[in-house]
């Protein structure tokens, strides 16, 4: 796959994923506010604020990985 196409696909995925993830994490956090103390919410939002980095990092790695010799266009 061409590098420009990979980066376009990766960038679109990252934007859609981060927006959806933020909305879902905020909705879950909002539902937890009446049930848990402030310190538990702090831990939830700290973890939820960092977890998105793992899938986005994998996509960025895929976007910038050099093609194998069998994948290179001649």
N, C-alpha and C. Protein backbone atom coordinates (compact mmCIF):
# COMPACT_ATOMS: atom_id res chain seq x y z
N UNK A 1 0.85 -1.17 0.00
CA UNK A 1 0.00 0.00 0.00
C UNK A 1 0.90 1.23 0.00
N UNK A 2 0.49 2.20 -0.76
CA UNK A 2 1.29 3.42 -0.85
C UNK A 2 1.28 4.18 0.47
N UNK A 3 2.37 4.86 0.73
CA UNK A 3 2.55 5.57 1.99
C UNK A 3 1.49 6.66 2.18
N UNK A 4 1.18 7.38 1.13
CA UNK A 4 0.20 8.46 1.25
C UNK A 4 -1.19 7.91 1.60
N UNK A 5 -1.54 6.79 1.02
CA UNK A 5 -2.85 6.18 1.31
C UNK A 5 -2.88 5.67 2.74
N UNK A 6 -1.79 5.04 3.18
CA UNK A 6 -1.73 4.56 4.57
C UNK A 6 -1.88 5.71 5.55
N UNK A 7 -1.23 6.80 5.29
CA UNK A 7 -1.31 7.95 6.20
C UNK A 7 -2.69 8.59 6.17
N UNK A 8 -3.33 8.62 5.02
CA UNK A 8 -4.68 9.16 4.95
C UNK A 8 -5.66 8.29 5.72
N UNK A 9 -5.57 6.99 5.53
CA UNK A 9 -6.44 6.05 6.25
C UNK A 9 -6.18 6.15 7.75
N UNK A 10 -4.92 6.17 8.14
CA UNK A 10 -4.57 6.27 9.56
C UNK A 10 -5.05 7.57 10.19
N UNK A 11 -4.89 8.68 9.49
CA UNK A 11 -5.33 9.96 10.03
C UNK A 11 -6.84 10.01 10.20
N UNK A 12 -7.57 9.50 9.22
CA UNK A 12 -9.03 9.46 9.33
C UNK A 12 -9.46 8.56 10.49
N UNK A 13 -8.82 7.41 10.63
CA UNK A 13 -9.15 6.51 11.73
C UNK A 13 -8.89 7.17 13.07
N UNK A 14 -7.75 7.84 13.20
CA UNK A 14 -7.40 8.47 14.48
C UNK A 14 -8.43 9.54 14.85
N UNK A 15 -8.82 10.36 13.90
CA UNK A 15 -9.78 11.42 14.20
C UNK A 15 -11.12 10.82 14.65
N UNK A 16 -11.62 9.86 13.90
CA UNK A 16 -12.90 9.24 14.24
C UNK A 16 -12.81 8.50 15.57
N UNK A 17 -11.73 7.76 15.78
CA UNK A 17 -11.57 7.00 17.01
C UNK A 17 -11.50 7.90 18.23
N UNK A 18 -10.70 8.96 18.16
CA UNK A 18 -10.53 9.84 19.33
C UNK A 18 -11.84 10.56 19.67
N UNK A 19 -12.57 11.01 18.66
CA UNK A 19 -13.84 11.68 18.92
C UNK A 19 -14.83 10.70 19.57
N UNK A 20 -14.97 9.51 19.00
CA UNK A 20 -15.89 8.52 19.57
C UNK A 20 -15.46 8.09 20.96
N UNK A 21 -14.18 7.87 21.14
CA UNK A 21 -13.67 7.45 22.44
C UNK A 21 -13.93 8.52 23.50
N UNK A 22 -13.68 9.77 23.15
CA UNK A 22 -13.89 10.86 24.11
C UNK A 22 -15.36 10.97 24.50
N UNK A 23 -16.25 10.84 23.54
CA UNK A 23 -17.68 10.92 23.84
C UNK A 23 -18.12 9.76 24.73
N UNK A 24 -17.65 8.57 24.43
CA UNK A 24 -18.03 7.40 25.23
C UNK A 24 -17.44 7.49 26.64
N UNK A 25 -16.17 7.86 26.74
CA UNK A 25 -15.53 7.96 28.06
C UNK A 25 -16.19 9.04 28.91
N UNK A 26 -16.57 10.15 28.29
CA UNK A 26 -17.24 11.21 29.04
C UNK A 26 -18.63 10.77 29.48
N UNK A 27 -19.33 10.06 28.62
CA UNK A 27 -20.67 9.58 28.97
C UNK A 27 -20.60 8.58 30.12
N UNK A 28 -19.65 7.67 30.07
CA UNK A 28 -19.49 6.70 31.17
C UNK A 28 -19.11 7.44 32.45
N UNK A 29 -18.19 8.38 32.35
CA UNK A 29 -17.79 9.15 33.52
C UNK A 29 -18.94 9.95 34.10
N UNK A 30 -19.77 10.49 33.24
CA UNK A 30 -20.93 11.24 33.71
C UNK A 30 -21.91 10.33 34.46
N UNK A 31 -22.04 9.11 33.99
CA UNK A 31 -22.92 8.16 34.67
C UNK A 31 -22.37 7.71 36.02
N UNK A 32 -21.08 7.83 36.21
CA UNK A 32 -20.45 7.39 37.45
C UNK A 32 -20.45 8.47 38.53
N UNK A 33 -20.74 9.71 38.18
CA UNK A 33 -20.59 10.81 39.13
C UNK A 33 -21.47 10.67 40.36
N UNK A 34 -22.65 10.11 40.22
CA UNK A 34 -23.56 10.00 41.37
C UNK A 34 -23.25 8.77 42.23
N UNK A 35 -22.48 7.85 41.71
CA UNK A 35 -22.27 6.57 42.40
C UNK A 35 -20.94 6.45 43.13
N UNK A 36 -19.95 7.22 42.72
CA UNK A 36 -18.61 7.05 43.26
C UNK A 36 -18.08 8.36 43.84
N UNK A 37 -17.13 8.26 44.77
CA UNK A 37 -16.52 9.49 45.33
C UNK A 37 -15.59 10.15 44.32
N UNK A 38 -15.19 11.35 44.65
CA UNK A 38 -14.38 12.16 43.74
C UNK A 38 -13.05 11.49 43.43
N UNK A 39 -12.42 10.86 44.41
CA UNK A 39 -11.11 10.23 44.16
C UNK A 39 -11.24 9.08 43.16
N UNK A 40 -12.34 8.34 43.18
CA UNK A 40 -12.55 7.26 42.22
C UNK A 40 -12.77 7.82 40.82
N UNK A 41 -13.49 8.93 40.72
CA UNK A 41 -13.69 9.57 39.43
C UNK A 41 -12.38 10.10 38.87
N UNK A 42 -11.55 10.63 39.75
CA UNK A 42 -10.24 11.10 39.32
C UNK A 42 -9.42 9.96 38.72
N UNK A 43 -9.43 8.82 39.37
CA UNK A 43 -8.70 7.65 38.85
C UNK A 43 -9.29 7.20 37.52
N UNK A 44 -10.64 7.16 37.43
CA UNK A 44 -11.29 6.76 36.17
C UNK A 44 -10.87 7.68 35.03
N UNK A 45 -10.99 8.99 35.24
CA UNK A 45 -10.68 9.92 34.17
C UNK A 45 -9.19 9.94 33.85
N UNK A 46 -8.34 9.69 34.82
CA UNK A 46 -6.90 9.60 34.55
C UNK A 46 -6.59 8.40 33.66
N UNK A 47 -7.20 7.27 33.98
CA UNK A 47 -6.98 6.06 33.17
C UNK A 47 -7.62 6.22 31.80
N UNK A 48 -8.87 6.69 31.77
CA UNK A 48 -9.56 6.87 30.50
C UNK A 48 -8.86 7.91 29.62
N UNK A 49 -8.22 8.87 30.24
CA UNK A 49 -7.49 9.88 29.48
C UNK A 49 -6.19 9.39 28.88
N UNK A 50 -5.70 8.24 29.34
CA UNK A 50 -4.45 7.71 28.82
C UNK A 50 -4.62 6.46 27.95
N UNK A 51 -5.72 5.76 28.10
CA UNK A 51 -5.90 4.48 27.39
C UNK A 51 -5.97 4.66 25.88
N UNK A 52 -6.49 5.77 25.40
CA UNK A 52 -6.63 5.97 23.97
C UNK A 52 -5.27 5.99 23.25
N UNK A 53 -4.21 6.23 24.00
CA UNK A 53 -2.88 6.32 23.40
C UNK A 53 -2.44 4.97 22.81
N UNK A 54 -2.85 3.87 23.41
CA UNK A 54 -2.41 2.55 22.93
C UNK A 54 -2.88 2.25 21.51
N UNK A 55 -4.18 2.31 21.20
CA UNK A 55 -4.57 2.03 19.81
C UNK A 55 -4.08 3.09 18.82
N UNK A 56 -4.06 4.34 19.25
CA UNK A 56 -3.58 5.38 18.34
C UNK A 56 -2.08 5.21 18.07
N UNK A 57 -1.34 4.81 19.07
CA UNK A 57 0.09 4.54 18.87
C UNK A 57 0.32 3.40 17.90
N UNK A 58 -0.52 2.36 17.98
CA UNK A 58 -0.39 1.24 17.04
C UNK A 58 -0.69 1.69 15.62
N UNK A 59 -1.67 2.55 15.45
CA UNK A 59 -2.01 3.05 14.11
C UNK A 59 -0.88 3.94 13.58
N UNK A 60 -0.32 4.77 14.44
CA UNK A 60 0.79 5.62 13.99
C UNK A 60 2.00 4.77 13.61
N UNK A 61 2.25 3.71 14.38
CA UNK A 61 3.34 2.80 14.03
C UNK A 61 3.10 2.19 12.65
N UNK A 62 1.85 1.76 12.40
CA UNK A 62 1.50 1.17 11.11
C UNK A 62 1.65 2.20 9.99
N UNK A 63 1.26 3.45 10.25
CA UNK A 63 1.32 4.49 9.23
C UNK A 63 2.75 4.77 8.79
N UNK A 64 3.68 4.78 9.72
CA UNK A 64 5.05 5.18 9.42
C UNK A 64 6.02 4.02 9.28
N UNK A 65 5.50 2.80 9.35
CA UNK A 65 6.36 1.64 9.16
C UNK A 65 6.83 1.57 7.71
N UNK A 66 8.08 1.25 7.53
CA UNK A 66 8.61 1.12 6.18
C UNK A 66 8.07 -0.17 5.57
N UNK A 67 7.75 -0.13 4.29
CA UNK A 67 7.21 -1.34 3.66
C UNK A 67 8.28 -2.43 3.56
N UNK A 68 7.80 -3.67 3.69
CA UNK A 68 8.72 -4.80 3.52
C UNK A 68 9.12 -4.88 2.05
N UNK A 69 10.16 -5.64 1.76
CA UNK A 69 10.63 -5.74 0.38
C UNK A 69 9.56 -6.34 -0.52
N UNK A 70 8.70 -7.22 0.02
CA UNK A 70 7.64 -7.82 -0.80
C UNK A 70 6.47 -6.86 -1.02
N UNK A 71 6.36 -5.80 -0.19
CA UNK A 71 5.27 -4.84 -0.32
C UNK A 71 5.65 -3.63 -1.17
N UNK A 72 6.91 -3.46 -1.46
CA UNK A 72 7.34 -2.28 -2.19
C UNK A 72 6.86 -2.34 -3.64
N UNK A 73 6.45 -1.19 -4.12
CA UNK A 73 6.04 -1.10 -5.51
C UNK A 73 7.27 -0.93 -6.38
N UNK A 74 7.29 -1.58 -7.49
CA UNK A 74 8.46 -1.48 -8.38
C UNK A 74 8.20 -0.52 -9.50
